[in-house]
N, C-alpha and C. Protein backbone atom coordinates (compact mmCIF):
# COMPACT_ATOMS: atom_id res chain seq x y z
N UNK A 1 3.58 119.46 103.17
CA UNK A 1 4.15 118.15 103.36
C UNK A 1 3.15 117.32 104.15
N UNK A 2 2.94 116.09 103.68
CA UNK A 2 1.98 115.22 104.33
C UNK A 2 2.59 114.47 105.50
N UNK A 3 1.76 113.71 106.17
CA UNK A 3 2.19 112.96 107.35
C UNK A 3 3.24 111.91 106.98
N UNK A 4 3.08 111.30 105.83
CA UNK A 4 4.05 110.28 105.40
C UNK A 4 5.43 110.88 105.18
N UNK A 5 5.51 112.04 104.57
CA UNK A 5 6.80 112.70 104.34
C UNK A 5 7.44 113.12 105.66
N UNK A 6 6.63 113.63 106.61
CA UNK A 6 7.15 114.00 107.93
C UNK A 6 7.72 112.78 108.65
N UNK A 7 7.01 111.69 108.62
CA UNK A 7 7.46 110.47 109.28
C UNK A 7 8.75 109.97 108.65
N UNK A 8 8.84 110.00 107.34
CA UNK A 8 10.05 109.58 106.65
C UNK A 8 11.22 110.50 106.99
N UNK A 9 11.00 111.80 107.01
CA UNK A 9 12.06 112.76 107.34
C UNK A 9 12.52 112.59 108.78
N UNK A 10 11.60 112.41 109.71
CA UNK A 10 11.97 112.22 111.10
C UNK A 10 12.73 110.90 111.31
N UNK A 11 12.32 109.87 110.62
CA UNK A 11 13.04 108.58 110.72
C UNK A 11 14.47 108.72 110.21
N UNK A 12 14.63 109.39 109.09
CA UNK A 12 15.97 109.59 108.54
C UNK A 12 16.82 110.43 109.48
N UNK A 13 16.27 111.51 110.02
CA UNK A 13 17.00 112.38 110.94
C UNK A 13 17.38 111.61 112.21
N UNK A 14 16.49 110.78 112.73
CA UNK A 14 16.79 110.00 113.93
C UNK A 14 17.93 109.01 113.66
N UNK A 15 17.88 108.39 112.49
CA UNK A 15 18.94 107.46 112.14
C UNK A 15 20.30 108.16 112.07
N UNK A 16 20.34 109.32 111.45
CA UNK A 16 21.59 110.08 111.33
C UNK A 16 22.09 110.48 112.71
N UNK A 17 21.20 110.95 113.58
CA UNK A 17 21.59 111.34 114.94
C UNK A 17 22.15 110.15 115.70
N UNK A 18 21.52 108.99 115.58
CA UNK A 18 22.01 107.79 116.26
C UNK A 18 23.39 107.37 115.74
N UNK A 19 23.60 107.46 114.45
CA UNK A 19 24.91 107.10 113.89
C UNK A 19 26.00 108.08 114.34
N UNK A 20 25.68 109.36 114.41
CA UNK A 20 26.64 110.35 114.90
C UNK A 20 26.95 110.07 116.37
N UNK A 21 25.94 109.74 117.15
CA UNK A 21 26.17 109.42 118.57
C UNK A 21 27.05 108.18 118.69
N UNK A 22 26.86 107.21 117.84
CA UNK A 22 27.68 105.99 117.85
C UNK A 22 29.15 106.33 117.63
N UNK A 23 29.42 107.20 116.68
CA UNK A 23 30.79 107.62 116.42
C UNK A 23 31.35 108.53 117.49
N UNK A 24 30.55 109.44 117.99
CA UNK A 24 31.02 110.40 118.98
C UNK A 24 31.44 109.73 120.28
N UNK A 25 30.63 108.80 120.76
CA UNK A 25 30.93 108.15 122.04
C UNK A 25 31.64 106.81 121.86
N UNK A 26 32.08 106.52 120.65
CA UNK A 26 32.85 105.31 120.35
C UNK A 26 32.16 104.05 120.86
N UNK A 27 30.88 103.94 120.58
CA UNK A 27 30.12 102.77 120.98
C UNK A 27 30.55 101.61 120.09
N UNK A 28 31.01 100.54 120.70
CA UNK A 28 31.54 99.41 119.95
C UNK A 28 30.49 98.72 119.08
N UNK A 29 29.32 98.48 119.63
CA UNK A 29 28.29 97.79 118.87
C UNK A 29 26.96 98.47 119.09
N UNK A 30 26.32 98.81 118.03
CA UNK A 30 25.06 99.53 118.09
C UNK A 30 23.95 98.61 117.59
N UNK A 31 22.81 98.61 118.23
CA UNK A 31 21.74 97.70 117.81
C UNK A 31 21.30 97.87 116.37
N UNK A 32 21.50 99.04 115.78
CA UNK A 32 21.06 99.26 114.41
C UNK A 32 22.03 98.68 113.38
N UNK A 33 23.30 98.56 113.73
CA UNK A 33 24.27 98.13 112.74
C UNK A 33 24.92 96.78 113.04
N UNK A 34 25.13 96.45 114.29
CA UNK A 34 25.80 95.21 114.71
C UNK A 34 27.19 95.10 114.11
N UNK A 35 27.86 96.20 113.94
CA UNK A 35 29.21 96.21 113.40
C UNK A 35 30.11 96.95 114.38
N UNK A 36 31.20 96.31 114.83
CA UNK A 36 32.10 97.04 115.72
C UNK A 36 32.77 98.18 114.95
N UNK A 37 32.70 99.37 115.51
CA UNK A 37 33.25 100.53 114.81
C UNK A 37 34.70 100.81 115.15
N UNK A 38 35.08 100.57 116.38
CA UNK A 38 36.40 100.96 116.83
C UNK A 38 37.11 99.75 117.40
N UNK A 39 38.38 99.63 117.08
CA UNK A 39 39.16 98.53 117.59
C UNK A 39 39.66 98.88 118.99
N UNK A 40 39.88 97.86 119.77
CA UNK A 40 40.38 98.05 121.12
C UNK A 40 41.73 98.75 121.09
N UNK A 41 41.93 99.69 121.97
CA UNK A 41 43.21 100.38 122.04
C UNK A 41 44.28 99.42 122.55
N UNK A 42 45.42 99.45 121.93
CA UNK A 42 46.54 98.60 122.32
C UNK A 42 47.50 99.40 123.18
N UNK A 43 48.17 98.76 124.13
CA UNK A 43 49.15 99.48 124.95
C UNK A 43 50.36 99.91 124.11
N UNK A 44 51.12 100.86 124.62
CA UNK A 44 52.26 101.41 123.87
C UNK A 44 53.30 100.35 123.52
N UNK A 45 53.53 99.39 124.42
CA UNK A 45 54.59 98.41 124.18
C UNK A 45 54.18 97.34 123.15
N UNK A 46 52.90 97.27 122.80
CA UNK A 46 52.43 96.30 121.84
C UNK A 46 52.23 96.98 120.49
N UNK A 47 53.26 96.93 119.68
CA UNK A 47 53.24 97.62 118.40
C UNK A 47 52.80 96.70 117.28
N UNK A 48 52.09 97.23 116.29
CA UNK A 48 51.68 96.40 115.15
C UNK A 48 52.90 96.04 114.30
N UNK A 49 52.82 94.88 113.67
CA UNK A 49 53.93 94.40 112.83
C UNK A 49 53.40 94.01 111.46
N UNK A 50 54.29 94.09 110.48
CA UNK A 50 54.00 93.63 109.12
C UNK A 50 55.12 92.70 108.69
N UNK A 51 54.77 91.76 107.85
CA UNK A 51 55.78 90.83 107.35
C UNK A 51 55.77 90.85 105.83
N UNK A 52 56.96 90.82 105.26
CA UNK A 52 57.12 90.73 103.80
C UNK A 52 58.10 89.60 103.52
N UNK A 53 57.79 88.81 102.51
CA UNK A 53 58.62 87.67 102.15
C UNK A 53 59.36 88.01 100.86
N UNK A 54 60.68 87.91 100.88
CA UNK A 54 61.50 88.19 99.71
C UNK A 54 62.20 86.91 99.28
N UNK A 55 62.34 86.72 97.97
CA UNK A 55 62.92 85.50 97.44
C UNK A 55 63.93 85.82 96.34
N UNK A 56 64.88 84.91 96.19
CA UNK A 56 65.92 85.02 95.17
C UNK A 56 65.64 84.01 94.07
N UNK A 57 65.49 84.52 92.85
CA UNK A 57 65.27 83.65 91.70
C UNK A 57 66.04 84.24 90.53
N UNK A 58 66.91 83.44 89.94
CA UNK A 58 67.67 83.90 88.78
C UNK A 58 68.58 85.07 89.09
N UNK A 59 69.10 85.15 90.30
CA UNK A 59 70.01 86.22 90.67
C UNK A 59 69.33 87.53 91.06
N UNK A 60 68.01 87.56 91.11
CA UNK A 60 67.28 88.79 91.46
C UNK A 60 66.37 88.54 92.65
N UNK A 61 66.36 89.50 93.58
CA UNK A 61 65.45 89.44 94.72
C UNK A 61 64.13 90.08 94.33
N UNK A 62 63.04 89.49 94.77
CA UNK A 62 61.72 90.06 94.54
C UNK A 62 60.83 89.73 95.73
N UNK A 63 59.80 90.54 95.91
CA UNK A 63 58.87 90.30 97.00
C UNK A 63 57.81 89.31 96.54
N UNK A 64 57.61 88.29 97.36
CA UNK A 64 56.57 87.31 97.06
C UNK A 64 55.28 87.80 97.69
N UNK A 65 54.27 87.94 96.89
CA UNK A 65 52.98 88.45 97.32
C UNK A 65 52.05 87.28 97.69
N UNK A 66 50.95 87.58 98.38
CA UNK A 66 50.03 86.50 98.77
C UNK A 66 49.50 85.68 97.59
N UNK A 67 49.31 86.30 96.43
CA UNK A 67 48.78 85.55 95.29
C UNK A 67 49.75 84.47 94.81
N UNK A 68 51.05 84.60 95.10
CA UNK A 68 52.00 83.56 94.73
C UNK A 68 51.68 82.24 95.44
N UNK A 69 51.07 82.34 96.61
CA UNK A 69 50.76 81.17 97.43
C UNK A 69 49.27 80.84 97.45
N UNK A 70 48.50 81.58 96.64
CA UNK A 70 47.04 81.45 96.63
C UNK A 70 46.44 81.70 98.00
N UNK A 71 46.94 82.75 98.64
CA UNK A 71 46.46 83.18 99.95
C UNK A 71 46.01 84.63 99.84
N UNK A 72 45.25 85.08 100.84
CA UNK A 72 44.95 86.51 100.89
C UNK A 72 45.98 87.15 101.82
N UNK A 73 46.09 88.48 101.86
CA UNK A 73 47.11 89.13 102.68
C UNK A 73 47.03 88.78 104.16
N UNK A 74 45.83 88.60 104.69
CA UNK A 74 45.69 88.25 106.11
C UNK A 74 46.20 86.84 106.40
N UNK A 75 45.95 85.91 105.49
CA UNK A 75 46.42 84.54 105.68
C UNK A 75 47.95 84.47 105.64
N UNK A 76 48.54 85.17 104.69
CA UNK A 76 50.00 85.18 104.60
C UNK A 76 50.60 85.84 105.83
N UNK A 77 50.07 86.99 106.23
CA UNK A 77 50.55 87.66 107.42
C UNK A 77 50.39 86.81 108.65
N UNK A 78 49.29 86.10 108.77
CA UNK A 78 49.06 85.22 109.91
C UNK A 78 50.08 84.11 110.00
N UNK A 79 50.42 83.52 108.87
CA UNK A 79 51.41 82.44 108.88
C UNK A 79 52.80 82.95 109.23
N UNK A 80 53.12 84.15 108.75
CA UNK A 80 54.47 84.67 108.98
C UNK A 80 54.64 85.39 110.31
N UNK A 81 53.58 85.98 110.82
CA UNK A 81 53.69 86.77 112.04
C UNK A 81 53.35 86.01 113.31
N UNK A 82 52.42 85.08 113.23
CA UNK A 82 51.88 84.48 114.45
C UNK A 82 52.25 83.01 114.62
N UNK A 83 53.08 82.49 113.76
CA UNK A 83 53.53 81.11 113.92
C UNK A 83 54.63 81.03 114.96
N UNK A 84 54.89 79.82 115.41
CA UNK A 84 55.94 79.63 116.42
C UNK A 84 57.33 79.81 115.82
N UNK A 85 57.52 79.31 114.60
CA UNK A 85 58.84 79.37 113.96
C UNK A 85 58.69 80.01 112.59
N UNK A 86 59.12 81.27 112.46
CA UNK A 86 58.97 82.01 111.21
C UNK A 86 59.77 81.36 110.09
N UNK A 87 60.99 80.90 110.40
CA UNK A 87 61.84 80.28 109.37
C UNK A 87 61.19 79.02 108.80
N UNK A 88 60.59 78.22 109.66
CA UNK A 88 59.94 76.98 109.20
C UNK A 88 58.68 77.30 108.41
N UNK A 89 57.89 78.26 108.86
CA UNK A 89 56.66 78.64 108.15
C UNK A 89 56.98 79.19 106.78
N UNK A 90 57.97 80.04 106.71
CA UNK A 90 58.40 80.61 105.43
C UNK A 90 58.92 79.51 104.51
N UNK A 91 59.74 78.62 105.06
CA UNK A 91 60.29 77.52 104.27
C UNK A 91 59.20 76.64 103.70
N UNK A 92 58.18 76.37 104.50
CA UNK A 92 57.06 75.55 104.03
C UNK A 92 56.34 76.21 102.86
N UNK A 93 56.11 77.50 102.96
CA UNK A 93 55.46 78.23 101.87
C UNK A 93 56.30 78.21 100.60
N UNK A 94 57.59 78.46 100.73
CA UNK A 94 58.47 78.51 99.56
C UNK A 94 58.63 77.13 98.94
N UNK A 95 58.74 76.09 99.78
CA UNK A 95 58.85 74.74 99.23
C UNK A 95 57.58 74.36 98.45
N UNK A 96 56.41 74.76 98.96
CA UNK A 96 55.17 74.50 98.23
C UNK A 96 55.14 75.27 96.90
N UNK A 97 55.65 76.49 96.93
CA UNK A 97 55.74 77.30 95.71
C UNK A 97 56.66 76.62 94.70
N UNK A 98 57.83 76.17 95.16
CA UNK A 98 58.80 75.54 94.27
C UNK A 98 58.29 74.23 93.70
N UNK A 99 57.50 73.50 94.46
CA UNK A 99 57.00 72.20 93.99
C UNK A 99 56.11 72.33 92.76
N UNK A 100 55.49 73.48 92.60
CA UNK A 100 54.58 73.66 91.47
C UNK A 100 55.22 74.43 90.31
N UNK A 101 56.53 74.62 90.34
CA UNK A 101 57.23 75.38 89.31
C UNK A 101 58.30 74.54 88.63
N UNK A 102 58.59 74.85 87.35
CA UNK A 102 59.71 74.16 86.69
C UNK A 102 61.03 74.61 87.33
N UNK A 103 62.09 73.83 87.18
CA UNK A 103 63.36 74.13 87.86
C UNK A 103 63.89 75.55 87.63
N UNK A 104 63.74 76.08 86.42
CA UNK A 104 64.29 77.42 86.15
C UNK A 104 63.47 78.54 86.80
N UNK A 105 62.28 78.25 87.30
CA UNK A 105 61.43 79.26 87.93
C UNK A 105 61.37 79.10 89.45
N UNK A 106 62.20 78.23 90.02
CA UNK A 106 62.18 77.97 91.45
C UNK A 106 63.00 79.00 92.21
N UNK A 107 62.64 79.15 93.46
CA UNK A 107 63.31 80.09 94.37
C UNK A 107 64.49 79.38 95.02
N UNK A 108 65.65 80.04 95.06
CA UNK A 108 66.84 79.42 95.65
C UNK A 108 67.11 79.88 97.08
N UNK A 109 66.61 81.04 97.46
CA UNK A 109 66.78 81.55 98.83
C UNK A 109 65.63 82.50 99.13
N UNK A 110 65.32 82.63 100.42
CA UNK A 110 64.22 83.52 100.80
C UNK A 110 64.42 83.98 102.24
N UNK A 111 63.83 85.11 102.55
CA UNK A 111 63.83 85.62 103.92
C UNK A 111 62.56 86.41 104.18
N UNK A 112 62.23 86.53 105.46
CA UNK A 112 61.07 87.30 105.88
C UNK A 112 61.59 88.54 106.60
N UNK A 113 61.08 89.68 106.21
CA UNK A 113 61.41 90.94 106.87
C UNK A 113 60.19 91.35 107.69
N UNK A 114 60.33 91.26 109.01
CA UNK A 114 59.25 91.65 109.91
C UNK A 114 59.52 93.07 110.36
N UNK A 115 58.61 93.97 110.06
CA UNK A 115 58.77 95.38 110.36
C UNK A 115 57.80 95.81 111.44
N UNK A 116 58.31 96.50 112.45
CA UNK A 116 57.46 97.07 113.48
C UNK A 116 56.97 98.41 112.95
N UNK A 117 55.66 98.59 112.94
CA UNK A 117 55.07 99.82 112.42
C UNK A 117 55.18 100.90 113.50
N UNK A 118 55.78 101.99 113.14
CA UNK A 118 55.97 103.09 114.09
C UNK A 118 54.65 103.76 114.39
N UNK A 119 54.45 104.07 115.66
CA UNK A 119 53.28 104.83 116.08
C UNK A 119 53.78 106.07 116.80
N UNK A 120 53.07 107.18 116.69
CA UNK A 120 53.56 108.43 117.27
C UNK A 120 53.84 108.37 118.76
N UNK A 121 53.01 107.67 119.53
CA UNK A 121 53.17 107.68 120.98
C UNK A 121 54.16 106.62 121.47
N UNK A 122 54.66 105.77 120.58
CA UNK A 122 55.55 104.68 121.00
C UNK A 122 57.00 105.14 120.96
N UNK A 123 57.80 104.66 121.92
CA UNK A 123 59.21 105.06 121.94
C UNK A 123 60.01 104.46 120.78
N UNK A 124 59.63 103.28 120.31
CA UNK A 124 60.33 102.62 119.22
C UNK A 124 59.84 103.16 117.88
N UNK A 125 60.72 103.46 116.97
CA UNK A 125 60.34 104.09 115.71
C UNK A 125 60.63 103.19 114.51
N UNK A 126 59.81 102.22 114.25
CA UNK A 126 59.92 101.39 113.06
C UNK A 126 61.24 100.68 112.91
N UNK A 127 61.27 99.42 113.21
CA UNK A 127 62.48 98.63 113.06
C UNK A 127 62.13 97.34 112.35
N UNK A 128 63.12 96.70 111.78
CA UNK A 128 62.88 95.47 111.05
C UNK A 128 63.80 94.35 111.49
N UNK A 129 63.31 93.13 111.39
CA UNK A 129 64.09 91.93 111.73
C UNK A 129 64.04 91.00 110.52
N UNK A 130 65.21 90.56 110.08
CA UNK A 130 65.30 89.64 108.95
C UNK A 130 65.45 88.23 109.48
N UNK A 131 64.63 87.32 108.96
CA UNK A 131 64.70 85.90 109.32
C UNK A 131 64.83 85.10 108.03
N UNK A 132 65.94 84.38 107.89
CA UNK A 132 66.15 83.55 106.70
C UNK A 132 65.22 82.34 106.76
N UNK A 133 64.69 81.99 105.61
CA UNK A 133 63.75 80.87 105.53
C UNK A 133 64.51 79.55 105.50
N UNK A 134 63.95 78.56 106.13
CA UNK A 134 64.52 77.21 106.14
C UNK A 134 63.98 76.46 104.93
N UNK A 135 64.77 76.45 103.84
CA UNK A 135 64.32 75.80 102.62
C UNK A 135 64.67 74.31 102.58
N UNK A 136 65.45 73.86 103.54
CA UNK A 136 65.79 72.43 103.63
C UNK A 136 64.61 71.71 104.25
N UNK A 137 64.38 70.52 103.84
CA UNK A 137 63.29 69.76 104.44
C UNK A 137 62.50 69.04 103.37
N UNK A 138 61.47 68.39 103.82
CA UNK A 138 60.64 67.60 102.91
C UNK A 138 59.74 68.50 102.09
N UNK A 139 59.69 68.35 100.78
CA UNK A 139 58.73 69.10 100.00
C UNK A 139 57.32 68.60 100.33
N UNK A 140 56.33 69.47 100.20
CA UNK A 140 54.96 69.08 100.56
C UNK A 140 54.41 67.99 99.65
């Protein structure tokens, strides 16, 4: 093996060792990657939540997905989970959805189900809260 092959092998081995060290010691940001690897630990009382929007159309309930609103999952979750008034935020989304649909395809009622994600170390074990959407108001 020539000097070039040795140098290449040592460089690769050093890179692998550095990446393993990054994972082992949970280093948040490493000069070689500039990518945070681990999220900050949250306290037990601060549980993650998920939101799902359900709507009634033609006598059937269905889950409204982010693509119904031309949003990505993070944008929809942000509007439903972190807004001041969940009922108003949900109503605004559904009214915008209804404005672009013919009358027979419009939603007549909707609600948001906010679910607390259970974690093993938390005393609370997955619970949900239903919030009816405020569909009254000015269309967008």
